[in-house]
């Protein structure tokens, strides 16, 4: 092996060892924090939290009962219509030649039955969608009132079925080639006089001509007093294999990075905003089997913080009971978000 190839091999081997070491550290941290998360799940609920659980499970049971009833009704209607169509076909086969008029009547019955089946199925789906949206709305309202109950929040508006504008996530300058977003549980409020927006959001990119999620979790956007045009400060708390590194950084510089986090910016004075106190607070997020990573975008007038959770975390339960620990986890993470926002605005 020549010296040049040996040097290249050694360099590649060193880089692979470093990457493996970083991955091992992150995996060890995830395992440790996951154990803490299990302990957190088993903490007893207070009176308010128990009431919320009872209400949401009551809404869930009502929704499931309605779905079950509607399915029975739909099956009964479709069954009757199918019976009519079968009877009409039998009449055509048996008596069609003897009574030609009966064939036309039977064909008419078949056409009407087919149209009726289509109409009833559409009505059935619309009713289920309306009831599902009603159930989701009740869950979102219950959890939002819990999350944003402090007096720092005013003018709370919960809009479960309204989408967040794509531009909120796109303008954060975090991921490239985004094709769209899908969101629910949209919340508007004032936080200490600042505009506050939150939503459950999925951001999509195109992979092999199909959309794939780049981010799936909760985002929080709050006004800030950072006033430099065209400047960005991006932060990512690193995660495991499911974590997607921020990549809309072609015009930014990696200004700091280690095993735990990375920072990109085109602002030479980024430390005045993302100072030690802010970084210390951001590192309080626990990367575990539930929380994949955390992204932060600071630009003129806006701070966006995205918490990427595993897929099932923000699902609304239908077939199983509502358990409060996910909402309580969001509350814990929200407290860190608000502390970060406060520190950034006090720079």
C-alpha atoms as a PDB file:
ATOM      1  CA  UNK A   1       0.000   0.000   0.000  1.00  0.00           C
ATOM      2  CA  UNK A   2       1.441   3.401  -1.006  1.00  0.00           C
ATOM      3  CA  UNK A   3       1.923   6.171   1.538  1.00  0.00           C
ATOM      4  CA  UNK A   4      -0.829   8.306  -0.016  1.00  0.00           C
ATOM      5  CA  UNK A   5      -3.364   5.478   0.051  1.00  0.00           C
ATOM      6  CA  UNK A   6      -2.233   4.549   3.551  1.00  0.00           C
ATOM      7  CA  UNK A   7      -2.801   8.142   4.723  1.00  0.00           C
ATOM      8  CA  UNK A   8      -6.238   8.196   3.073  1.00  0.00           C
ATOM      9  CA  UNK A   9      -7.098   4.864   4.671  1.00  0.00           C
ATOM     10  CA  UNK A  10      -5.917   6.079   8.084  1.00  0.00           C
ATOM     11  CA  UNK A  11      -7.886   9.324   7.771  1.00  0.00           C
ATOM     12  CA  UNK A  12     -11.053   7.480   6.743  1.00  0.00           C
ATOM     13  CA  UNK A  13     -10.603   4.985   9.566  1.00  0.00           C
ATOM     14  CA  UNK A  14     -10.156   7.787  12.095  1.00  0.00           C
ATOM     15  CA  UNK A  15     -13.290   9.544  10.816  1.00  0.00           C
ATOM     16  CA  UNK A  16     -15.266   6.292  11.005  1.00  0.00           C
ATOM     17  CA  UNK A  17     -14.046   5.712  14.559  1.00  0.00           C
ATOM     18  CA  UNK A  18     -15.019   9.251  15.558  1.00  0.00           C
ATOM     19  CA  UNK A  19     -18.487   8.828  14.020  1.00  0.00           C
ATOM     20  CA  UNK A  20     -18.909   5.471  15.755  1.00  0.00           C
ATOM     21  CA  UNK A  21     -17.802   6.979  19.063  1.00  0.00           C
ATOM     22  CA  UNK A  22     -20.303   9.837  18.681  1.00  0.00           C
ATOM     23  CA  UNK A  23     -23.072   7.390  17.767  1.00  0.00           C
ATOM     24  CA  UNK A  24     -22.226   5.215  20.778  1.00  0.00           C
ATOM     25  CA  UNK A  25     -22.384   8.237  23.081  1.00  0.00           C
ATOM     26  CA  UNK A  26     -25.750   9.330  21.694  1.00  0.00           C
ATOM     27  CA  UNK A  27     -27.177   5.805  21.949  1.00  0.00           C
ATOM     28  CA  UNK A  28     -25.968   5.531  25.538  1.00  0.00           C
ATOM     29  CA  UNK A  29     -27.610   8.880  26.323  1.00  0.00           C
ATOM     30  CA  UNK A  30     -30.850   7.752  24.670  1.00  0.00           C
ATOM     31  CA  UNK A  31     -30.880   4.557  26.740  1.00  0.00           C
ATOM     32  CA  UNK A  32     -30.261   6.491  29.964  1.00  0.00           C
ATOM     33  CA  UNK A  33     -32.907   9.113  29.221  1.00  0.00           C
ATOM     34  CA  UNK A  34     -35.426   6.475  28.130  1.00  0.00           C
ATOM     35  CA  UNK A  35     -35.199   4.913  31.579  1.00  0.00           C
ATOM     36  CA  UNK A  36     -35.909   8.334  33.086  1.00  0.00           C
ATOM     37  CA  UNK A  37     -38.850   8.721  30.700  1.00  0.00           C
ATOM     38  CA  UNK A  38     -40.345   5.439  31.931  1.00  0.00           C
ATOM     39  CA  UNK A  39     -40.094   6.705  35.507  1.00  0.00           C
ATOM     40  CA  UNK A  40     -41.695   9.991  34.428  1.00  0.00           C
ATOM     41  CA  UNK A  41     -44.628   8.095  32.890  1.00  0.00           C
ATOM     42  CA  UNK A  42     -45.337   6.398  36.204  1.00  0.00           C
ATOM     43  CA  UNK A  43     -45.613   9.607  38.209  1.00  0.00           C
ATOM     44  CA  UNK A  44     -49.095   9.997  39.756  1.00  0.00           C
ATOM     45  CA  UNK A  45     -51.522  12.484  38.237  1.00  0.00           C
ATOM     46  CA  UNK A  46     -52.956  15.403  40.150  1.00  0.00           C
ATOM     47  CA  UNK A  47     -56.674  16.156  40.351  1.00  0.00           C
ATOM     48  CA  UNK A  48     -56.736  18.426  37.305  1.00  0.00           C
ATOM     49  CA  UNK A  49     -54.850  15.898  35.192  1.00  0.00           C
ATOM     50  CA  UNK A  50     -57.168  13.055  36.225  1.00  0.00           C
ATOM     51  CA  UNK A  51     -60.187  15.143  35.249  1.00  0.00           C
ATOM     52  CA  UNK A  52     -58.682  15.788  31.803  1.00  0.00           C
ATOM     53  CA  UNK A  53     -58.023  12.067  31.327  1.00  0.00           C
ATOM     54  CA  UNK A  54     -61.610  11.214  32.290  1.00  0.00           C
ATOM     55  CA  UNK A  55     -63.037  13.821  29.925  1.00  0.00           C
ATOM     56  CA  UNK A  56     -60.934  12.783  26.940  1.00  0.00           C
ATOM     57  CA  UNK A  57     -61.625   9.089  27.485  1.00  0.00           C
ATOM     58  CA  UNK A  58     -65.317   9.956  27.696  1.00  0.00           C
ATOM     59  CA  UNK A  59     -65.057  11.794  24.340  1.00  0.00           C
ATOM     60  CA  UNK A  60     -63.188   8.815  22.882  1.00  0.00           C
ATOM     61  CA  UNK A  61     -65.834   6.331  24.015  1.00  0.00           C
ATOM     62  CA  UNK A  62     -68.627   8.510  22.612  1.00  0.00           C
ATOM     63  CA  UNK A  63     -66.770   8.754  19.298  1.00  0.00           C
ATOM     64  CA  UNK A  64     -66.202   4.992  19.097  1.00  0.00           C
ATOM     65  CA  UNK A  65     -69.832   4.296  19.985  1.00  0.00           C
ATOM     66  CA  UNK A  66     -70.964   6.662  17.221  1.00  0.00           C
ATOM     67  CA  UNK A  67     -68.613   5.017  14.704  1.00  0.00           C
ATOM     68  CA  UNK A  68     -69.885   1.560  15.652  1.00  0.00           C
ATOM     69  CA  UNK A  69     -73.515   2.647  15.325  1.00  0.00           C
ATOM     70  CA  UNK A  70     -72.938   4.303  11.966  1.00  0.00           C
ATOM     71  CA  UNK A  71     -71.152   1.213  10.661  1.00  0.00           C
ATOM     72  CA  UNK A  72     -74.122  -0.978  11.587  1.00  0.00           C
ATOM     73  CA  UNK A  73     -76.504   1.456   9.896  1.00  0.00           C
ATOM     74  CA  UNK A  74     -74.308   1.616   6.814  1.00  0.00           C
ATOM     75  CA  UNK A  75     -73.987  -2.174   6.618  1.00  0.00           C
ATOM     76  CA  UNK A  76     -77.759  -2.534   6.943  1.00  0.00           C
ATOM     77  CA  UNK A  77     -78.473  -0.020   4.183  1.00  0.00           C
ATOM     78  CA  UNK A  78     -75.851  -1.474   1.854  1.00  0.00           C
ATOM     79  CA  UNK A  79     -77.168  -4.980   2.632  1.00  0.00           C
ATOM     80  CA  UNK A  80     -80.717  -4.001   1.639  1.00  0.00           C
ATOM     81  CA  UNK A  81     -79.470  -2.362  -1.567  1.00  0.00           C
ATOM     82  CA  UNK A  82     -77.386  -5.414  -2.467  1.00  0.00           C
ATOM     83  CA  UNK A  83     -80.386  -7.643  -1.850  1.00  0.00           C
ATOM     84  CA  UNK A  84     -82.423  -5.467  -4.232  1.00  0.00           C
ATOM     85  CA  UNK A  85     -79.716  -5.700  -6.898  1.00  0.00           C
ATOM     86  CA  UNK A  86     -79.441  -9.477  -6.537  1.00  0.00           C
ATOM     87  CA  UNK A  87     -83.236  -9.807  -6.747  1.00  0.00           C
ATOM     88  CA  UNK A  88     -83.270  -7.620  -9.857  1.00  0.00           C
ATOM     89  CA  UNK A  89     -80.594  -9.771 -11.551  1.00  0.00           C
ATOM     90  CA  UNK A  90     -82.502 -12.950 -10.681  1.00  0.00           C
ATOM     91  CA  UNK A  91     -85.701 -11.500 -12.197  1.00  0.00           C
ATOM     92  CA  UNK A  92     -83.820 -10.558 -15.346  1.00  0.00           C
ATOM     93  CA  UNK A  93     -82.382 -14.066 -15.714  1.00  0.00           C
ATOM     94  CA  UNK A  94     -85.590 -15.959 -14.866  1.00  0.00           C
ATOM     95  CA  UNK A  95     -88.343 -13.777 -16.277  1.00  0.00           C
ATOM     96  CA  UNK A  96     -86.566 -11.357 -18.584  1.00  0.00           C
ATOM     97  CA  UNK A  97     -87.518 -13.114 -21.798  1.00  0.00           C
ATOM     98  CA  UNK A  98     -91.131 -13.743 -20.726  1.00  0.00           C
ATOM     99  CA  UNK A  99     -91.721 -10.204 -19.470  1.00  0.00           C
ATOM    100  CA  UNK A 100     -89.423  -7.799 -21.373  1.00  0.00           C
ATOM    101  CA  UNK A 101     -90.697  -4.833 -19.373  1.00  0.00           C
ATOM    102  CA  UNK A 102     -89.471  -6.587 -16.200  1.00  0.00           C
ATOM    103  CA  UNK A 103     -85.924  -6.521 -17.524  1.00  0.00           C
ATOM    104  CA  UNK A 104     -86.005  -2.740 -17.898  1.00  0.00           C
ATOM    105  CA  UNK A 105     -87.566  -2.368 -14.468  1.00  0.00           C
ATOM    106  CA  UNK A 106     -84.893  -4.596 -12.918  1.00  0.00           C
ATOM    107  CA  UNK A 107     -82.089  -2.705 -14.654  1.00  0.00           C
ATOM    108  CA  UNK A 108     -83.569   0.510 -13.321  1.00  0.00           C
ATOM    109  CA  UNK A 109     -83.596  -0.940  -9.817  1.00  0.00           C
ATOM    110  CA  UNK A 110     -79.909  -1.932 -10.201  1.00  0.00           C
ATOM    111  CA  UNK A 111     -78.909   1.563 -11.369  1.00  0.00           C
ATOM    112  CA  UNK A 112     -80.849   3.250  -8.562  1.00  0.00           C
ATOM    113  CA  UNK A 113     -79.367   0.841  -6.005  1.00  0.00           C
ATOM    114  CA  UNK A 114     -75.818   1.507  -7.241  1.00  0.00           C
ATOM    115  CA  UNK A 115     -76.352   5.266  -7.055  1.00  0.00           C
ATOM    116  CA  UNK A 116     -77.935   4.954  -3.624  1.00  0.00           C
ATOM    117  CA  UNK A 117     -74.995   2.829  -2.402  1.00  0.00           C
ATOM    118  CA  UNK A 118     -72.526   5.478  -3.572  1.00  0.00           C
ATOM    119  CA  UNK A 119     -74.543   8.295  -1.975  1.00  0.00           C
ATOM    120  CA  UNK A 120     -74.970   6.509   1.370  1.00  0.00           C
ATOM    121  CA  UNK A 121     -71.256   5.625   1.494  1.00  0.00           C
ATOM    122  CA  UNK A 122     -70.342   9.253   0.861  1.00  0.00           C
ATOM    123  CA  UNK A 123     -72.758  10.451   3.551  1.00  0.00           C
ATOM    124  CA  UNK A 124     -71.342   7.821   5.910  1.00  0.00           C
ATOM    125  CA  UNK A 125     -67.754   8.968   5.313  1.00  0.00           C
ATOM    126  CA  UNK A 126     -68.697  12.635   5.712  1.00  0.00           C
ATOM    127  CA  UNK A 127     -70.453  11.955   9.007  1.00  0.00           C
ATOM    128  CA  UNK A 128     -67.480   9.983  10.305  1.00  0.00           C
ATOM    129  CA  UNK A 129     -65.093  12.776   9.279  1.00  0.00           C
ATOM    130  CA  UNK A 130     -67.253  15.372  11.008  1.00  0.00           C
ATOM    131  CA  UNK A 131     -67.401  13.303  14.174  1.00  0.00           C
ATOM    132  CA  UNK A 132     -63.654  12.571  14.036  1.00  0.00           C
ATOM    133  CA  UNK A 133     -62.896  16.295  13.687  1.00  0.00           C
ATOM    134  CA  UNK A 134     -65.208  16.994  16.602  1.00  0.00           C
ATOM    135  CA  UNK A 135     -63.379  14.425  18.749  1.00  0.00           C
ATOM    136  CA  UNK A 136     -59.948  15.748  17.736  1.00  0.00           C
ATOM    137  CA  UNK A 137     -61.107  19.280  18.483  1.00  0.00           C
ATOM    138  CA  UNK A 138     -62.216  18.343  21.984  1.00  0.00           C
ATOM    139  CA  UNK A 139     -58.896  16.619  22.712  1.00  0.00           C
ATOM    140  CA  UNK A 140     -56.902  19.584  21.397  1.00  0.00           C
ATOM    141  CA  UNK A 141     -58.950  22.048  23.436  1.00  0.00           C
ATOM    142  CA  UNK A 142     -58.543  20.043  26.638  1.00  0.00           C
ATOM    143  CA  UNK A 143     -54.780  19.675  26.242  1.00  0.00           C
ATOM    144  CA  UNK A 144     -54.248  23.289  25.102  1.00  0.00           C
ATOM    145  CA  UNK A 145     -56.049  24.651  28.155  1.00  0.00           C
ATOM    146  CA  UNK A 146     -53.689  22.587  30.307  1.00  0.00           C
ATOM    147  CA  UNK A 147     -50.516  23.529  28.426  1.00  0.00           C
ATOM    148  CA  UNK A 148     -51.235  27.257  28.244  1.00  0.00           C
ATOM    149  CA  UNK A 149     -53.012  27.855  31.532  1.00  0.00           C
ATOM    150  CA  UNK A 150     -50.393  30.195  33.022  1.00  0.00           C
ATOM    151  CA  UNK A 151     -51.231  33.917  33.171  1.00  0.00           C
ATOM    152  CA  UNK A 152     -48.305  34.627  30.812  1.00  0.00           C
ATOM    153  CA  UNK A 153     -50.609  33.390  28.040  1.00  0.00           C
ATOM    154  CA  UNK A 154     -53.549  35.537  26.971  1.00  0.00           C
ATOM    155  CA  UNK A 155     -55.982  35.599  24.032  1.00  0.00           C
ATOM    156  CA  UNK A 156     -55.699  31.847  23.565  1.00  0.00           C
ATOM    157  CA  UNK A 157     -57.211  30.534  20.336  1.00  0.00           C
ATOM    158  CA  UNK A 158     -57.292  26.785  19.626  1.00  0.00           C
ATOM    159  CA  UNK A 159     -58.012  25.913  15.988  1.00  0.00           C
ATOM    160  CA  UNK A 160     -57.663  22.107  15.745  1.00  0.00           C
ATOM    161  CA  UNK A 161     -58.712  21.755  12.102  1.00  0.00           C
ATOM    162  CA  UNK A 162     -56.927  24.839  10.722  1.00  0.00           C
ATOM    163  CA  UNK A 163     -53.549  24.337   8.995  1.00  0.00           C
ATOM    164  CA  UNK A 164     -50.443  26.329   9.781  1.00  0.00           C
ATOM    165  CA  UNK A 165     -49.092  28.240   6.799  1.00  0.00           C
ATOM    166  CA  UNK A 166     -46.220  26.420   5.081  1.00  0.00           C
ATOM    167  CA  UNK A 167     -44.143  29.587   5.220  1.00  0.00           C
ATOM    168  CA  UNK A 168     -43.787  29.386   9.014  1.00  0.00           C
ATOM    169  CA  UNK A 169     -41.675  26.247   8.678  1.00  0.00           C
ATOM    170  CA  UNK A 170     -40.138  27.075   5.291  1.00  0.00           C
ATOM    171  CA  UNK A 171     -38.916  30.531   6.361  1.00  0.00           C
ATOM    172  CA  UNK A 172     -37.065  29.056   9.321  1.00  0.00           C
ATOM    173  CA  UNK A 173     -34.226  28.090   6.942  1.00  0.00           C
ATOM    174  CA  UNK A 174     -33.788  24.630   8.498  1.00  0.00           C
ATOM    175  CA  UNK A 175     -34.374  22.047   5.759  1.00  0.00           C
ATOM    176  CA  UNK A 176     -33.942  22.303   1.992  1.00  0.00           C
ATOM    177  CA  UNK A 177     -36.304  21.119  -0.721  1.00  0.00           C
ATOM    178  CA  UNK A 178     -39.404  21.062   1.463  1.00  0.00           C
ATOM    179  CA  UNK A 179     -42.492  20.213  -0.564  1.00  0.00           C
ATOM    180  CA  UNK A 180     -45.148  21.097   1.970  1.00  0.00           C
ATOM    181  CA  UNK A 181     -46.383  20.715   5.496  1.00  0.00           C
ATOM    182  CA  UNK A 182     -49.362  19.125   7.167  1.00  0.00           C
ATOM    183  CA  UNK A 183     -50.494  20.365  10.543  1.00  0.00           C
ATOM    184  CA  UNK A 184     -53.242  20.336  13.143  1.00  0.00           C
ATOM    185  CA  UNK A 185     -53.814  21.532  16.694  1.00  0.00           C
ATOM    186  CA  UNK A 186     -53.018  25.100  15.709  1.00  0.00           C
ATOM    187  CA  UNK A 187     -52.764  27.480  18.671  1.00  0.00           C
ATOM    188  CA  UNK A 188     -52.480  31.254  18.649  1.00  0.00           C
ATOM    189  CA  UNK A 189     -51.850  33.264  21.800  1.00  0.00           C
ATOM    190  CA  UNK A 190     -49.988  36.180  23.299  1.00  0.00           C
ATOM    191  CA  UNK A 191     -47.057  35.206  25.486  1.00  0.00           C
ATOM    192  CA  UNK A 192     -46.039  38.143  27.661  1.00  0.00           C
ATOM    193  CA  UNK A 193     -47.233  40.443  24.898  1.00  0.00           C
ATOM    194  CA  UNK A 194     -45.468  38.497  22.110  1.00  0.00           C
ATOM    195  CA  UNK A 195     -47.195  36.672  19.278  1.00  0.00           C
ATOM    196  CA  UNK A 196     -47.079  32.935  19.980  1.00  0.00           C
ATOM    197  CA  UNK A 197     -47.939  30.139  17.542  1.00  0.00           C
ATOM    198  CA  UNK A 198     -47.868  26.388  18.091  1.00  0.00           C
ATOM    199  CA  UNK A 199     -48.908  23.378  16.020  1.00  0.00           C
ATOM    200  CA  UNK A 200     -48.395  19.668  15.513  1.00  0.00           C
ATOM    201  CA  UNK A 201     -46.599  19.602  12.199  1.00  0.00           C
ATOM    202  CA  UNK A 202     -45.075  17.298   9.604  1.00  0.00           C
ATOM    203  CA  UNK A 203     -42.694  18.760   7.039  1.00  0.00           C
ATOM    204  CA  UNK A 204     -42.253  16.789   3.807  1.00  0.00           C
ATOM    205  CA  UNK A 205     -39.515  16.329   1.222  1.00  0.00           C
ATOM    206  CA  UNK A 206     -39.582  14.316  -2.001  1.00  0.00           C
ATOM    207  CA  UNK A 207     -37.804  10.931  -1.899  1.00  0.00           C
ATOM    208  CA  UNK A 208     -37.968   8.715  -4.995  1.00  0.00           C
ATOM    209  CA  UNK A 209     -40.925  10.737  -6.287  1.00  0.00           C
ATOM    210  CA  UNK A 210     -42.840  10.200  -3.046  1.00  0.00           C
ATOM    211  CA  UNK A 211     -43.214  12.543  -0.104  1.00  0.00           C
ATOM    212  CA  UNK A 212     -41.449  11.545   3.105  1.00  0.00           C
ATOM    213  CA  UNK A 213     -41.501  13.336   6.479  1.00  0.00           C
ATOM    214  CA  UNK A 214     -38.438  15.419   7.290  1.00  0.00           C
ATOM    215  CA  UNK A 215     -39.875  16.574  10.600  1.00  0.00           C
ATOM    216  CA  UNK A 216     -42.766  15.328  12.696  1.00  0.00           C
ATOM    217  CA  UNK A 217     -43.490  16.929  16.024  1.00  0.00           C
ATOM    218  CA  UNK A 218     -44.421  20.189  17.666  1.00  0.00           C
ATOM    219  CA  UNK A 219     -43.238  23.610  16.615  1.00  0.00           C
ATOM    220  CA  UNK A 220     -43.385  26.829  18.579  1.00  0.00           C
ATOM    221  CA  UNK A 221     -42.814  30.238  17.004  1.00  0.00           C
ATOM    222  CA  UNK A 222     -42.519  33.362  19.125  1.00  0.00           C
ATOM    223  CA  UNK A 223     -41.606  36.983  18.368  1.00  0.00           C
ATOM    224  CA  UNK A 224     -38.071  38.065  19.219  1.00  0.00           C
ATOM    225  CA  UNK A 225     -36.085  41.305  19.192  1.00  0.00           C
ATOM    226  CA  UNK A 226     -33.386  40.051  16.809  1.00  0.00           C
ATOM    227  CA  UNK A 227     -33.416  42.659  14.034  1.00  0.00           C
ATOM    228  CA  UNK A 228     -30.713  41.770  11.497  1.00  0.00           C
ATOM    229  CA  UNK A 229     -31.973  41.312   7.934  1.00  0.00           C
ATOM    230  CA  UNK A 230     -30.825  38.161   6.177  1.00  0.00           C
ATOM    231  CA  UNK A 231     -29.097  36.724   9.241  1.00  0.00           C
ATOM    232  CA  UNK A 232     -29.855  33.306  10.701  1.00  0.00           C
ATOM    233  CA  UNK A 233     -28.753  31.355  13.731  1.00  0.00           C
ATOM    234  CA  UNK A 234     -29.584  27.648  13.543  1.00  0.00           C
ATOM    235  CA  UNK A 235     -29.169  25.143  16.346  1.00  0.00           C
ATOM    236  CA  UNK A 236     -29.762  21.402  16.485  1.00  0.00           C
ATOM    237  CA  UNK A 237     -29.613  19.174  19.520  1.00  0.00           C
ATOM    238  CA  UNK A 238     -28.356  15.956  17.979  1.00  0.00           C
ATOM    239  CA  UNK A 239     -30.220  12.683  18.208  1.00  0.00           C
ATOM    240  CA  UNK A 240     -29.873   9.057  17.143  1.00  0.00           C
ATOM    241  CA  UNK A 241     -30.442   7.338  13.818  1.00  0.00           C
ATOM    242  CA  UNK A 242     -33.913   8.847  13.327  1.00  0.00           C
ATOM    243  CA  UNK A 243     -32.546  12.385  13.654  1.00  0.00           C
ATOM    244  CA  UNK A 244     -32.250  14.275  10.366  1.00  0.00           C
ATOM    245  CA  UNK A 245     -29.407  16.815  10.361  1.00  0.00           C
ATOM    246  CA  UNK A 246     -30.433  20.345   9.387  1.00  0.00           C
ATOM    247  CA  UNK A 247     -29.275  20.925   5.823  1.00  0.00           C
ATOM    248  CA  UNK A 248     -30.395  24.378   4.643  1.00  0.00           C
ATOM    249  CA  UNK A 249     -26.937  25.666   5.529  1.00  0.00           C
ATOM    250  CA  UNK A 250     -25.232  26.311   2.184  1.00  0.00           C
ATOM    251  CA  UNK A 251     -24.995  30.036   2.913  1.00  0.00           C
ATOM    252  CA  UNK A 252     -24.193  29.520   6.598  1.00  0.00           C
ATOM    253  CA  UNK A 253     -21.068  28.501   8.499  1.00  0.00           C
ATOM    254  CA  UNK A 254     -20.704  25.793  11.111  1.00  0.00           C
ATOM    255  CA  UNK A 255     -19.679  28.081  13.954  1.00  0.00           C
ATOM    256  CA  UNK A 256     -19.762  25.490  16.734  1.00  0.00           C
ATOM    257  CA  UNK A 257     -20.274  21.765  16.946  1.00  0.00           C
ATOM    258  CA  UNK A 258     -19.656  18.816  19.231  1.00  0.00           C
ATOM    259  CA  UNK A 259     -21.130  15.416  20.151  1.00  0.00           C
ATOM    260  CA  UNK A 260     -24.242  17.076  21.572  1.00  0.00           C
ATOM    261  CA  UNK A 261     -25.222  19.917  19.257  1.00  0.00           C
ATOM    262  CA  UNK A 262     -24.280  21.997  16.224  1.00  0.00           C
ATOM    263  CA  UNK A 263     -24.751  25.678  15.397  1.00  0.00           C
ATOM    264  CA  UNK A 264     -24.800  27.306  11.957  1.00  0.00           C
ATOM    265  CA  UNK A 265     -24.921  31.048  11.321  1.00  0.00           C
ATOM    266  CA  UNK A 266     -23.976  33.915   9.047  1.00  0.00           C
ATOM    267  CA  UNK A 267     -23.961  36.364  11.969  1.00  0.00           C
ATOM    268  CA  UNK A 268     -20.488  36.975  13.390  1.00  0.00           C
ATOM    269  CA  UNK A 269     -22.049  38.008  16.703  1.00  0.00           C
ATOM    270  CA  UNK A 270     -24.233  34.932  17.063  1.00  0.00           C
ATOM    271  CA  UNK A 271     -22.918  34.327  20.594  1.00  0.00           C
ATOM    272  CA  UNK A 272     -24.669  37.490  21.746  1.00  0.00           C
ATOM    273  CA  UNK A 273     -27.964  35.697  21.020  1.00  0.00           C
ATOM    274  CA  UNK A 274     -27.181  32.023  21.512  1.00  0.00           C
ATOM    275  CA  UNK A 275     -25.135  32.567  24.644  1.00  0.00           C
ATOM    276  CA  UNK A 276     -24.096  30.086  27.336  1.00  0.00           C
ATOM    277  CA  UNK A 277     -27.315  30.500  29.290  1.00  0.00           C
ATOM    278  CA  UNK A 278     -29.417  29.730  26.206  1.00  0.00           C
ATOM    279  CA  UNK A 279     -27.265  26.732  25.283  1.00  0.00           C
ATOM    280  CA  UNK A 280     -27.453  25.411  28.829  1.00  0.00           C
ATOM    281  CA  UNK A 281     -31.232  25.634  28.712  1.00  0.00           C
ATOM    282  CA  UNK A 282     -31.443  23.964  25.292  1.00  0.00           C
ATOM    283  CA  UNK A 283     -29.376  21.049  26.522  1.00  0.00           C
ATOM    284  CA  UNK A 284     -32.038  20.342  29.150  1.00  0.00           C
ATOM    285  CA  UNK A 285     -34.161  18.652  26.489  1.00  0.00           C
ATOM    286  CA  UNK A 286     -33.861  14.895  26.972  1.00  0.00           C
ATOM    287  CA  UNK A 287     -33.083  12.980  23.794  1.00  0.00           C
ATOM    288  CA  UNK A 288     -34.653   9.551  24.306  1.00  0.00           C
ATOM    289  CA  UNK A 289     -36.907   7.040  22.561  1.00  0.00           C
ATOM    290  CA  UNK A 290     -39.656   9.695  22.422  1.00  0.00           C
ATOM    291  CA  UNK A 291     -37.799  12.925  21.634  1.00  0.00           C
ATOM    292  CA  UNK A 292     -35.687  12.511  18.494  1.00  0.00           C
ATOM    293  CA  UNK A 293     -34.003  15.910  18.302  1.00  0.00           C
ATOM    294  CA  UNK A 294     -34.579  19.646  18.741  1.00  0.00           C
ATOM    295  CA  UNK A 295     -34.126  22.364  16.124  1.00  0.00           C
ATOM    296  CA  UNK A 296     -34.004  26.110  16.642  1.00  0.00           C
ATOM    297  CA  UNK A 297     -34.110  28.898  14.077  1.00  0.00           C
ATOM    298  CA  UNK A 298     -33.497  32.502  15.063  1.00  0.00           C
ATOM    299  CA  UNK A 299     -34.092  35.134  12.408  1.00  0.00           C
ATOM    300  CA  UNK A 300     -35.322  38.699  12.278  1.00  0.00           C
ATOM    301  CA  UNK A 301     -38.392  38.983  14.479  1.00  0.00           C
ATOM    302  CA  UNK A 302     -38.982  35.242  14.965  1.00  0.00           C
ATOM    303  CA  UNK A 303     -37.668  32.358  17.035  1.00  0.00           C
ATOM    304  CA  UNK A 304     -38.863  28.926  15.952  1.00  0.00           C
ATOM    305  CA  UNK A 305     -38.266  25.869  18.095  1.00  0.00           C
ATOM    306  CA  UNK A 306     -39.158  22.456  16.743  1.00  0.00           C
ATOM    307  CA  UNK A 307     -39.292  19.324  18.880  1.00  0.00           C
ATOM    308  CA  UNK A 308     -39.140  16.215  16.717  1.00  0.00           C
ATOM    309  CA  UNK A 309     -41.045  13.426  18.457  1.00  0.00           C
ATOM    310  CA  UNK A 310     -41.412   9.789  17.440  1.00  0.00           C
ATOM    311  CA  UNK A 311     -44.389   9.092  15.186  1.00  0.00           C
ATOM    312  CA  UNK A 312     -46.894   7.792  17.731  1.00  0.00           C
ATOM    313  CA  UNK A 313     -46.257  10.501  20.303  1.00  0.00           C
ATOM    314  CA  UNK A 314     -48.622  13.099  18.889  1.00  0.00           C
ATOM    315  CA  UNK A 315     -51.270  10.632  17.711  1.00  0.00           C
ATOM    316  CA  UNK A 316     -54.726  11.038  19.201  1.00  0.00           C
ATOM    317  CA  UNK A 317     -55.880   7.724  20.694  1.00  0.00           C
ATOM    318  CA  UNK A 318     -58.908   5.973  19.239  1.00  0.00           C
ATOM    319  CA  UNK A 319     -58.644   2.258  20.008  1.00  0.00           C
ATOM    320  CA  UNK A 320     -56.851   2.670  23.350  1.00  0.00           C
ATOM    321  CA  UNK A 321     -57.361   4.855  26.403  1.00  0.00           C
ATOM    322  CA  UNK A 322     -55.902   8.333  26.530  1.00  0.00           C
ATOM    323  CA  UNK A 323     -52.871   8.442  28.785  1.00  0.00           C
ATOM    324  CA  UNK A 324     -51.725  11.738  30.165  1.00  0.00           C
ATOM    325  CA  UNK A 325     -47.965  11.262  30.235  1.00  0.00           C
ATOM    326  CA  UNK A 326     -47.478  12.497  26.635  1.00  0.00           C
ATOM    327  CA  UNK A 327     -49.263  15.765  27.413  1.00  0.00           C
ATOM    328  CA  UNK A 328     -47.296  16.115  30.628  1.00  0.00           C
ATOM    329  CA  UNK A 329     -44.091  15.550  28.645  1.00  0.00           C
ATOM    330  CA  UNK A 330     -45.055  18.323  26.236  1.00  0.00           C
ATOM    331  CA  UNK A 331     -45.652  20.589  29.230  1.00  0.00           C
ATOM    332  CA  UNK A 332     -42.137  19.873  30.520  1.00  0.00           C
ATOM    333  CA  UNK A 333     -40.638  20.563  27.096  1.00  0.00           C
ATOM    334  CA  UNK A 334     -42.761  23.689  26.659  1.00  0.00           C
ATOM    335  CA  UNK A 335     -41.313  25.094  29.875  1.00  0.00           C
ATOM    336  CA  UNK A 336     -37.840  24.764  28.370  1.00  0.00           C
ATOM    337  CA  UNK A 337     -39.056  26.408  25.157  1.00  0.00           C
ATOM    338  CA  UNK A 338     -40.384  29.391  27.084  1.00  0.00           C
ATOM    339  CA  UNK A 339     -37.188  29.708  29.116  1.00  0.00           C
ATOM    340  CA  UNK A 340     -35.187  29.750  25.877  1.00  0.00           C
ATOM    341  CA  UNK A 341     -37.493  32.379  24.380  1.00  0.00           C
ATOM    342  CA  UNK A 342     -37.160  34.547  27.496  1.00  0.00           C
ATOM    343  CA  UNK A 343     -33.377  34.303  27.501  1.00  0.00           C
ATOM    344  CA  UNK A 344     -33.100  35.143  23.791  1.00  0.00           C
ATOM    345  CA  UNK A 345     -35.259  38.211  24.250  1.00  0.00           C
ATOM    346  CA  UNK A 346     -33.163  39.347  27.236  1.00  0.00           C
ATOM    347  CA  UNK A 347     -29.878  39.310  25.304  1.00  0.00           C
END
